[in-house]
Amino acid sequence: MEFEYDVIIIGSGPGGYVAAIRAAQLGHKTAIIEKDKLGGICLNWGCIPTKALLKSSEIYTTMKKSDYYGITAKDISFDFSKVIQRSRGVAKSLSDGIAFLLKKNNITHITGTAELVNGNTIKVQNDKKETKLNSKHIIISTGARPRELPSISFDDDIWSYKQAMNPSNLPKSLAVIGSGAIGIEFANFYNALGVEVNVIELAERILPNEDNEISDYAIKDFEKQGIIFHLNTSVEKVTKIKGGCSISLQSNGNSKISMIKAEKVIMAVGITGNIENIGLENLGIEIENGHIKTNEYMQTNIDNVYAIGDVAGAPWLAHKASHEGVVSVEHLSNLDPRTIDKNNIPGCVYSSPQIASIGLSEIKAKESYESVRIGKFPLLANGKAKAISSESGFVKVIYDNKTGELIGAHMIGDSVTELIHGYAIAKNMEGTEEDIVSTIFPHPTISESLHEAVLNAYDMGIHY
């Protein structure tokens, strides 16, 4: 059979458009189907615009304490509409950039919704017009959407991340349900702009996927900033009242119901894969826990159909999706791509302070390894951090005591999301402590803390 395309990708997020470009590089006639704006959720409503918002709140916070730096700045204020406009402008600019990349690589961009008819045919619906395309290979990259709680749905007062990113007015008070990366970033942003923020978390600590010491340090820092936390607490009900919402809370192990009020509520309780209405059932593609099941090459149970990114399961990270796109395309091209080790995928939270991690937490490392070495280095002992008055935070590393393998790394503080790649490279290259100990780090930089933490793990610490 002759196919119109070699590869068709459904969805243009960071997994989809990267897969399309890699496919074109390898000589495949490639098309990408997108029902909305190029770039998907990450670029338009997630990763990129949220960082633009956080940068605005960071600058506002810094300017309010400019006297500390010997700078006089009077009558500091902000224009909330301009803060939002800048964020939306950044997203649009990058979405336009993806259109340029697709054109540059001769990739056909098709607008519409896609449904799998069979293993080689896709039905595309656009403006009441239906067309059918056929392809040798298909890659599903439809992403995910915010999860709702059973009794709480999104509306004008109960926001998803989309609504939280583009409100018409700044609320006076806010309740955030969930303290993962999304919840913490929004809590941090709105709190910095003077909004009263309550965060409700079902687990016993915030950022439950992070190392315990990171979570403990983070909550103290955020509480100093004025964020109020309700840990080990579930949301029983959200009731509409005049001027906002009344939230019924129940602490685990306590039958008493408490109440808090907030003008708006942000639900940040996770995501669920976009697996509906794309024809998976027509092919019998296997689903597991609300996501498409794949092998290590991102191949579904249908040999020529692949699934990448959030729709294919955790961790729900843009950089993981992009890498999966490359792996899937190289595999269908009969190359031998290196598969992904999820322990080597770094995770980041872009709040102030920032948080970054890779590999196992201390608790999980001790459960998995017979003997571990742990090293720490506080940023207050780092010359560059002191020079720029960003002494809050620390770097922590975990090594296998027998082999010198880097098992995990965790850090909190200024710019740590820009530093975690150092440990990611070390883990990916299977480097030992000797490789980092013998590396010369530039001075003065916060990156020296990565070196010092490893030195500390092996009783060679210089500055701490």
Protein backbone atom coordinates (compact mmCIF):
# COMPACT_ATOMS: atom_id res chain seq x y z
CA MET A 1 0.00 0.00 0.00
CA GLU A 2 1.20 3.51 -0.82
CA PHE A 3 0.84 5.99 2.00
CA GLU A 4 0.36 9.76 1.79
CA TYR A 5 2.71 10.19 4.73
CA ASP A 6 5.45 8.22 6.43
CA VAL A 7 4.67 9.69 9.85
CA ILE A 8 1.65 11.59 11.19
CA ILE A 9 1.73 13.05 14.67
CA ILE A 10 -1.48 13.88 16.52
CA GLY A 11 -0.80 16.86 18.79
CA SER A 12 1.83 19.61 18.58
CA GLY A 13 3.03 19.92 22.17
CA PRO A 14 6.71 19.55 23.12
CA GLY A 15 6.51 15.85 22.33
CA GLY A 16 4.62 16.17 19.06
CA TYR A 17 6.48 18.97 17.35
CA VAL A 18 9.89 17.57 18.35
CA ALA A 19 8.88 14.17 16.99
CA ALA A 20 7.77 15.82 13.75
CA ILE A 21 11.04 17.68 13.31
CA ARG A 22 13.12 14.57 14.05
CA ALA A 23 11.03 12.57 11.58
CA ALA A 24 11.61 15.18 8.89
CA GLN A 25 15.34 15.20 9.64
CA LEU A 26 15.40 11.46 9.01
CA GLY A 27 13.79 11.88 5.62
CA HIS A 28 10.18 10.97 6.43
CA LYS A 29 7.29 12.76 4.77
CA THR A 30 5.68 14.13 7.91
CA ALA A 31 2.43 15.78 8.97
CA ILE A 32 1.24 17.08 12.34
CA ILE A 33 -2.41 17.50 13.32
CA GLU A 34 -3.35 20.13 15.91
CA LYS A 35 -6.83 21.27 16.86
CA ASP A 36 -5.67 24.42 18.68
CA LYS A 37 -2.51 26.51 18.89
CA LEU A 38 0.85 25.01 18.03
CA GLY A 39 2.91 24.13 21.10
CA GLY A 40 0.18 22.43 23.09
CA ILE A 41 -0.55 23.04 26.75
CA CYS A 42 3.09 23.43 27.79
CA LEU A 43 3.89 26.32 25.53
CA ASN A 44 0.49 28.05 25.53
CA TRP A 45 -0.86 27.38 29.02
CA GLY A 46 1.83 25.66 31.08
CA CYS A 47 5.61 25.66 31.21
CA ILE A 48 6.38 28.86 29.34
CA PRO A 49 3.66 31.39 30.30
CA THR A 50 3.78 30.40 33.98
CA LYS A 51 7.51 31.16 34.06
CA ALA A 52 6.76 34.56 32.54
CA LEU A 53 4.27 35.22 35.35
CA LEU A 54 6.72 34.06 38.01
CA LYS A 55 9.44 36.33 36.62
CA SER A 56 7.12 39.33 36.99
CA SER A 57 6.34 38.48 40.62
CA GLU A 58 10.05 37.84 41.31
CA ILE A 59 11.01 41.28 39.98
CA TYR A 60 8.23 42.92 42.00
CA THR A 61 9.42 41.17 45.17
CA THR A 62 13.04 42.18 44.55
CA MET A 63 12.14 45.81 43.86
CA LYS A 64 10.22 46.06 47.13
CA LYS A 65 13.44 45.30 49.01
CA SER A 66 15.74 47.33 46.75
CA ASP A 67 16.99 49.42 49.70
CA TYR A 68 18.90 46.35 50.87
CA TYR A 69 20.98 46.57 47.70
CA GLY A 70 21.53 50.31 48.09
CA ILE A 71 18.98 51.13 45.38
CA THR A 72 16.17 53.58 46.00
CA ALA A 73 12.91 52.73 44.27
CA LYS A 74 9.79 54.57 45.39
CA ASP A 75 6.10 53.81 44.95
CA ILE A 76 6.64 50.26 43.68
CA SER A 77 3.47 48.87 42.12
CA PHE A 78 2.36 46.61 39.28
CA ASP A 79 -0.22 46.57 36.50
CA PHE A 80 -1.82 43.12 36.68
CA SER A 81 -3.25 43.32 33.18
CA LYS A 82 0.22 44.02 31.77
CA VAL A 83 1.66 41.10 33.75
CA ILE A 84 -0.91 38.81 32.11
CA GLN A 85 -0.46 40.41 28.67
CA ARG A 86 3.30 39.86 28.79
CA SER A 87 2.82 36.20 29.65
CA ARG A 88 0.36 35.69 26.80
CA GLY A 89 2.69 37.53 24.42
CA VAL A 90 5.59 35.24 25.31
CA ALA A 91 3.42 32.19 24.62
CA LYS A 92 2.22 33.56 21.26
CA SER A 93 5.77 34.37 20.17
CA LEU A 94 6.95 30.83 20.81
CA SER A 95 3.87 29.30 19.18
CA ASP A 96 4.62 31.34 16.08
CA GLY A 97 8.20 30.07 16.31
CA ILE A 98 7.00 26.48 16.09
CA ALA A 99 5.04 27.31 12.93
CA PHE A 100 8.31 28.59 11.45
CA LEU A 101 10.15 25.38 12.45
CA LEU A 102 7.48 23.19 10.86
CA LYS A 103 7.67 25.18 7.64
CA LYS A 104 11.48 25.12 7.70
CA ASN A 105 11.43 21.32 7.94
CA ASN A 106 8.73 20.88 5.25
CA ILE A 107 6.26 19.43 7.76
CA THR A 108 2.58 19.63 6.80
CA HIS A 109 0.52 21.38 9.49
CA ILE A 110 -3.11 20.25 9.52
CA THR A 111 -5.68 21.99 11.71
CA GLY A 112 -8.51 19.91 13.14
CA THR A 113 -9.44 17.09 15.48
CA ALA A 114 -8.10 13.64 14.74
CA GLU A 115 -9.61 10.19 15.15
CA LEU A 116 -7.91 6.88 14.40
CA VAL A 117 -9.96 4.83 11.94
CA ASN A 118 -7.50 1.95 11.73
CA GLY A 119 -3.77 1.42 12.12
CA ASN A 120 -2.95 3.54 9.08
CA THR A 121 -5.92 5.90 8.63
CA ILE A 122 -6.81 9.08 10.49
CA LYS A 123 -10.05 11.02 10.12
CA VAL A 124 -9.62 14.79 10.52
CA GLN A 125 -12.58 17.06 11.25
CA ASN A 126 -12.22 20.81 10.63
CA ASP A 127 -14.97 23.41 10.09
CA LYS A 128 -17.55 20.76 9.28
CA LYS A 129 -15.19 19.33 6.68
CA GLU A 130 -14.01 15.75 7.08
CA THR A 131 -10.91 14.35 5.41
CA LYS A 132 -9.04 11.08 5.72
CA LEU A 133 -5.27 10.71 5.74
CA ASN A 134 -3.18 7.58 5.70
CA SER A 135 0.29 7.05 7.09
CA LYS A 136 2.79 4.27 7.56
CA HIS A 137 3.35 5.31 11.18
CA ILE A 138 1.24 7.27 13.67
CA ILE A 139 2.40 8.98 16.86
CA ILE A 140 -0.21 9.98 19.44
CA SER A 141 0.80 13.08 21.41
CA THR A 142 -2.54 14.39 22.63
CA GLY A 143 -1.33 15.44 26.08
CA ALA A 144 -3.41 15.66 29.22
CA ARG A 145 -5.87 17.95 31.00
CA PRO A 146 -6.39 19.03 34.62
CA ARG A 147 -8.12 16.49 36.81
CA GLU A 148 -11.32 17.44 38.62
CA LEU A 149 -12.33 16.16 42.03
CA PRO A 150 -15.48 13.99 42.10
CA SER A 151 -17.71 16.71 43.58
CA ILE A 152 -15.86 19.79 42.34
CA SER A 153 -15.85 20.97 38.74
CA PHE A 154 -14.18 23.91 37.04
CA ASP A 155 -16.19 27.11 36.60
CA ASP A 156 -15.77 30.89 36.88
CA ASP A 157 -14.74 30.63 40.55
CA ILE A 158 -13.01 27.25 40.57
CA TRP A 159 -10.06 27.55 38.23
CA SER A 160 -7.90 25.17 36.26
CA TYR A 161 -4.39 26.32 35.36
CA LYS A 162 -5.77 27.91 32.19
CA GLN A 163 -8.11 30.20 34.10
CA ALA A 164 -5.49 30.89 36.77
CA MET A 165 -3.10 32.06 34.07
CA ASN A 166 -5.41 34.50 32.34
CA PRO A 167 -7.80 36.11 34.85
CA SER A 168 -9.40 39.49 34.16
CA ASN A 169 -8.80 40.71 37.72
CA LEU A 170 -6.46 39.92 40.60
CA PRO A 171 -8.43 38.16 43.36
CA LYS A 172 -8.04 39.30 46.96
CA SER A 173 -7.92 35.74 48.28
CA LEU A 174 -7.19 32.33 46.82
CA ALA A 175 -7.34 28.69 47.88
CA VAL A 176 -5.07 26.24 46.05
CA ILE A 177 -6.02 22.56 46.22
CA GLY A 178 -2.84 20.53 45.80
CA SER A 179 0.78 21.39 46.57
CA GLY A 180 2.61 19.78 43.69
CA ALA A 181 4.66 21.87 41.27
CA ILE A 182 1.64 23.54 39.62
CA GLY A 183 -0.08 24.36 42.90
CA ILE A 184 3.07 25.74 44.52
CA GLU A 185 3.98 27.89 41.51
CA PHE A 186 0.55 29.52 41.41
CA ALA A 187 0.49 29.95 45.19
CA ASN A 188 3.89 31.62 45.05
CA PHE A 189 2.94 33.91 42.16
CA TYR A 190 -0.31 35.17 43.64
CA ASN A 191 1.07 35.48 47.16
CA ALA A 192 3.93 37.65 45.86
CA LEU A 193 1.35 40.03 44.37
CA GLY A 194 -0.40 40.44 47.72
CA VAL A 195 -3.16 37.85 47.44
CA GLU A 196 -4.06 35.94 50.61
CA VAL A 197 -3.26 32.33 49.74
CA ASN A 198 -4.26 29.08 51.44
CA VAL A 199 -2.86 25.78 50.15
CA ILE A 200 -4.65 22.51 50.97
CA GLU A 201 -2.67 19.27 50.66
CA LEU A 202 -3.93 15.73 51.29
CA ALA A 203 -0.44 14.41 52.04
CA GLU A 204 1.51 15.07 55.23
CA ARG A 205 3.91 17.45 53.48
CA ILE A 206 3.98 19.81 50.53
CA LEU A 207 5.66 18.78 47.29
CA PRO A 208 5.18 15.10 48.23
CA ASN A 209 7.27 13.87 45.30
CA GLU A 210 10.35 15.72 46.55
CA ASP A 211 12.91 14.62 49.11
CA ASN A 212 11.63 15.11 52.67
CA GLU A 213 14.29 17.66 53.56
CA ILE A 214 13.42 19.74 50.51
CA SER A 215 9.73 19.72 51.43
CA ASP A 216 10.47 20.66 55.04
CA TYR A 217 12.75 23.52 54.00
CA ALA A 218 10.33 24.76 51.34
CA ILE A 219 7.29 25.00 53.59
CA LYS A 220 9.20 27.09 56.13
CA ASP A 221 10.33 29.48 53.41
CA PHE A 222 6.86 29.76 51.88
CA GLU A 223 5.26 30.32 55.29
CA LYS A 224 7.68 33.19 55.91
CA GLN A 225 6.39 34.69 52.67
CA GLY A 226 2.84 34.50 54.04
CA ILE A 227 1.36 31.40 52.41
CA ILE A 228 -0.90 29.40 54.75
CA PHE A 229 -0.79 25.60 54.49
CA HIS A 230 -3.33 22.95 55.52
CA LEU A 231 -1.53 19.59 55.44
CA ASN A 232 -2.95 16.12 55.82
CA THR A 233 -6.26 17.71 54.88
CA SER A 234 -8.97 16.88 52.36
CA VAL A 235 -11.49 19.18 50.68
CA GLU A 236 -14.98 17.92 51.44
CA LYS A 237 -16.96 20.53 49.56
CA VAL A 238 -16.70 23.88 47.83
CA THR A 239 -19.81 26.05 48.24
CA LYS A 240 -20.52 29.22 46.29
CA ILE A 241 -21.12 32.22 48.52
CA LYS A 242 -21.35 35.95 47.93
CA GLY A 243 -17.91 37.16 46.90
CA GLY A 244 -16.39 33.75 46.27
CA CYS A 245 -16.28 30.26 47.75
CA SER A 246 -16.50 28.56 51.11
CA ILE A 247 -14.23 25.51 51.34
CA SER A 248 -15.01 22.72 53.81
CA LEU A 249 -11.85 21.04 55.09
CA GLN A 250 -11.31 17.88 57.10
CA SER A 251 -8.00 16.95 58.66
CA ASN A 252 -7.22 13.25 58.39
CA GLY A 253 -8.03 11.52 61.66
CA ASN A 254 -10.22 14.39 62.81
CA SER A 255 -13.98 14.31 62.30
CA LYS A 256 -14.37 18.05 62.80
CA ILE A 257 -15.00 20.11 59.65
CA SER A 258 -13.31 23.51 59.37
CA MET A 259 -14.07 26.27 56.90
CA ILE A 260 -12.02 28.77 54.95
CA LYS A 261 -13.19 31.37 52.45
CA ALA A 262 -11.55 32.47 49.23
CA GLU A 263 -12.57 34.60 46.29
CA LYS A 264 -11.21 32.01 43.85
CA VAL A 265 -10.08 28.37 44.04
CA ILE A 266 -7.35 26.75 41.93
CA MET A 267 -7.54 22.98 41.54
CA ALA A 268 -4.09 21.49 41.04
CA VAL A 269 -4.70 17.84 41.91
CA GLY A 270 -3.05 16.23 38.91
CA ILE A 271 -3.85 15.52 35.29
CA THR A 272 -5.46 12.82 33.22
CA GLY A 273 -4.53 11.74 29.71
CA ASN A 274 -6.51 12.90 26.67
CA ILE A 275 -7.48 9.44 25.50
CA GLU A 276 -11.13 10.06 24.66
CA ASN A 277 -12.58 10.58 21.18
CA ILE A 278 -9.37 9.80 19.30
CA GLY A 279 -10.35 6.29 18.17
CA LEU A 280 -8.20 4.17 20.47
CA GLU A 281 -11.03 1.68 20.79
CA ASN A 282 -11.12 1.24 17.00
CA LEU A 283 -7.64 -0.27 17.15
CA GLY A 284 -7.86 -1.91 20.56
CA ILE A 285 -4.97 0.21 21.88
CA GLU A 286 -4.28 -0.74 25.49
CA ILE A 287 -4.97 1.76 28.28
CA GLU A 288 -3.51 1.63 31.78
CA ASN A 289 -4.53 3.97 34.62
CA GLY A 290 -6.04 6.48 32.21
CA HIS A 291 -2.99 6.62 29.94
CA ILE A 292 -1.86 4.81 26.81
CA LYS A 293 0.35 1.81 27.58
CA THR A 294 3.66 1.67 25.69
CA ASN A 295 6.94 -0.24 25.69
CA GLU A 296 10.35 1.36 26.23
CA TYR A 297 10.36 2.66 22.64
CA MET A 298 6.95 4.34 23.14
CA GLN A 299 5.33 1.72 20.92
CA THR A 300 1.75 0.71 21.71
CA ASN A 301 0.39 -2.81 21.30
CA ILE A 302 -0.21 -1.81 17.65
CA ASP A 303 3.27 -1.99 16.12
CA ASN A 304 3.11 1.10 13.91
CA VAL A 305 1.31 3.30 16.46
CA TYR A 306 3.29 5.11 19.14
CA ALA A 307 2.27 7.30 22.09
CA ILE A 308 4.43 9.95 23.75
CA GLY A 309 4.25 12.63 26.42
CA ASP A 310 1.57 13.13 29.05
CA VAL A 311 -0.93 10.83 27.32
CA ALA A 312 1.59 8.01 27.80
CA GLY A 313 1.93 8.50 31.55
CA ALA A 314 4.20 9.91 34.24
CA PRO A 315 6.36 11.78 34.79
CA TRP A 316 4.31 14.56 33.21
CA LEU A 317 7.19 16.71 32.02
CA ALA A 318 7.73 18.54 28.74
CA HIS A 319 11.38 17.51 28.45
CA LYS A 320 10.44 13.88 28.95
CA ALA A 321 7.83 14.20 26.17
CA SER A 322 10.37 15.71 23.76
CA HIS A 323 12.84 12.93 24.41
CA GLU A 324 10.14 10.30 23.95
CA GLY A 325 9.33 11.90 20.60
CA VAL A 326 12.91 11.39 19.46
CA VAL A 327 13.03 7.79 20.76
CA SER A 328 9.78 6.86 18.99
CA VAL A 329 10.83 8.34 15.65
CA GLU A 330 14.28 6.77 15.73
CA HIS A 331 12.73 3.41 16.61
CA LEU A 332 10.22 3.49 13.74
CA SER A 333 13.17 4.47 11.52
CA ASN A 334 14.88 1.18 12.45
CA LEU A 335 17.62 2.96 14.36
CA ASP A 336 18.67 1.80 17.82
CA PRO A 337 17.76 4.67 20.16
CA ARG A 338 18.86 4.67 23.75
CA THR A 339 15.76 4.17 25.89
CA ILE A 340 14.80 6.49 28.72
CA ASP A 341 15.77 5.79 32.32
CA LYS A 342 13.15 7.68 34.32
CA ASN A 343 15.58 7.98 37.23
CA ASN A 344 17.65 10.24 34.98
CA ILE A 345 14.85 12.72 34.27
CA PRO A 346 15.19 15.93 36.31
CA GLY A 347 12.16 17.68 37.76
CA CYS A 348 11.85 21.38 38.55
CA VAL A 349 9.59 23.77 40.46
CA TYR A 350 10.03 27.39 39.39
CA SER A 351 8.82 29.10 42.54
CA SER A 352 10.92 31.40 44.72
CA PRO A 353 12.93 29.59 45.99
CA GLN A 354 13.32 27.23 43.06
CA ILE A 355 13.42 23.46 43.55
CA ALA A 356 15.13 20.85 41.37
CA SER A 357 15.77 17.14 41.75
CA ILE A 358 16.81 13.98 39.97
CA GLY A 359 16.87 10.34 40.98
CA LEU A 360 15.87 8.85 44.32
CA SER A 361 15.02 10.64 47.54
CA GLU A 362 17.01 9.76 50.66
CA ILE A 363 14.23 7.52 51.99
CA LYS A 364 13.88 5.58 48.72
CA ALA A 365 17.66 5.34 48.31
CA LYS A 366 18.04 3.77 51.74
CA GLU A 367 15.27 1.31 50.89
CA SER A 368 16.98 0.31 47.63
CA TYR A 369 20.68 0.35 48.52
CA GLU A 370 22.61 -1.37 51.28
CA SER A 371 24.71 1.67 52.15
CA VAL A 372 24.55 5.28 50.96
CA ARG A 373 26.62 8.42 51.38
CA ILE A 374 24.86 11.77 51.72
CA GLY A 375 26.43 15.15 51.19
CA LYS A 376 24.94 18.61 51.75
CA PHE A 377 26.04 22.15 51.17
CA PRO A 378 24.10 25.25 52.28
CA LEU A 379 23.99 28.18 49.87
CA LEU A 380 24.75 30.55 52.73
CA ALA A 381 28.32 29.21 52.56
CA ASN A 382 28.60 29.98 48.83
CA GLY A 383 30.35 33.22 47.91
CA LYS A 384 28.21 34.06 44.87
CA ALA A 385 24.98 33.35 46.75
CA LYS A 386 26.05 35.74 49.50
CA ALA A 387 27.12 38.38 46.99
CA ILE A 388 23.68 38.44 45.40
CA SER A 389 21.86 37.88 48.74
CA SER A 390 20.39 34.53 47.72
CA GLU A 391 21.68 32.45 50.62
CA SER A 392 18.43 30.56 51.16
CA GLY A 393 18.58 26.87 50.27
CA PHE A 394 20.97 23.94 49.96
CA VAL A 395 22.24 21.18 47.67
CA LYS A 396 21.99 17.52 48.66
CA VAL A 397 23.49 14.48 46.94
CA ILE A 398 23.06 10.76 47.56
CA TYR A 399 25.64 8.17 46.48
CA ASP A 400 25.84 4.40 46.56
CA ASN A 401 28.62 3.83 49.08
CA LYS A 402 29.83 0.69 47.29
CA THR A 403 30.09 1.88 43.70
CA GLY A 404 30.19 5.66 43.86
CA GLU A 405 27.06 5.83 41.69
CA LEU A 406 25.07 9.06 41.99
CA ILE A 407 21.64 7.86 43.13
CA GLY A 408 19.89 11.18 43.65
CA ALA A 409 20.36 14.93 43.90
CA HIS A 410 18.03 17.51 45.40
CA MET A 411 18.35 21.27 45.68
CA ILE A 412 16.40 24.33 46.69
CA GLY A 413 17.42 27.95 46.18
CA ASP A 414 18.12 30.63 43.62
CA SER A 415 18.68 29.37 40.03
CA VAL A 416 18.82 25.69 41.00
CA THR A 417 16.63 24.76 38.01
CA GLU A 418 19.56 25.96 35.88
CA LEU A 419 22.00 23.77 37.83
CA ILE A 420 20.32 20.37 38.03
CA HIS A 421 21.52 19.50 34.52
CA GLY A 422 25.04 19.08 35.95
CA TYR A 423 23.93 16.10 37.98
CA ALA A 424 21.71 14.91 35.09
CA ILE A 425 24.77 14.69 32.83
CA ALA A 426 26.72 12.89 35.55
CA LYS A 427 23.94 10.33 36.04
CA ASN A 428 23.41 9.82 32.32
CA MET A 429 27.15 9.20 31.79
CA GLU A 430 27.22 6.91 34.85
CA GLY A 431 29.84 9.15 36.41
CA THR A 432 31.08 8.48 39.95
CA GLU A 433 31.96 10.88 42.72
CA GLU A 434 35.52 11.01 41.39
CA ASP A 435 34.32 12.62 38.16
CA ILE A 436 32.68 15.50 39.99
CA VAL A 437 35.38 15.82 42.65
CA SER A 438 38.02 16.22 39.92
CA THR A 439 35.93 18.73 37.93
CA ILE A 440 36.98 22.38 38.23
CA PHE A 441 33.94 24.60 38.80
CA PRO A 442 34.11 28.33 37.99
CA HIS A 443 34.34 30.80 40.87
CA PRO A 444 32.36 32.63 42.02
CA THR A 445 29.23 30.76 40.94
CA ILE A 446 26.38 29.04 42.72
CA SER A 447 27.35 25.96 40.69
CA GLU A 448 30.28 25.48 43.08
CA SER A 449 27.69 24.20 45.54
CA LEU A 450 27.29 21.09 43.38
CA HIS A 451 30.98 20.38 43.85
CA GLU A 452 30.94 21.12 47.57
CA ALA A 453 27.96 18.82 48.22
CA VAL A 454 29.83 15.89 46.66
CA LEU A 455 33.00 16.76 48.61
CA ASN A 456 30.90 16.80 51.78
CA ALA A 457 29.53 13.32 51.02
CA TYR A 458 33.09 11.98 50.97
CA ASP A 459 34.40 13.96 53.96
CA MET A 460 36.41 16.34 51.79
CA GLY A 461 34.32 19.47 52.20
CA ILE A 462 36.27 22.73 52.02
CA HIS A 463 33.81 25.53 52.73
CA TYR A 464 31.41 23.69 55.03
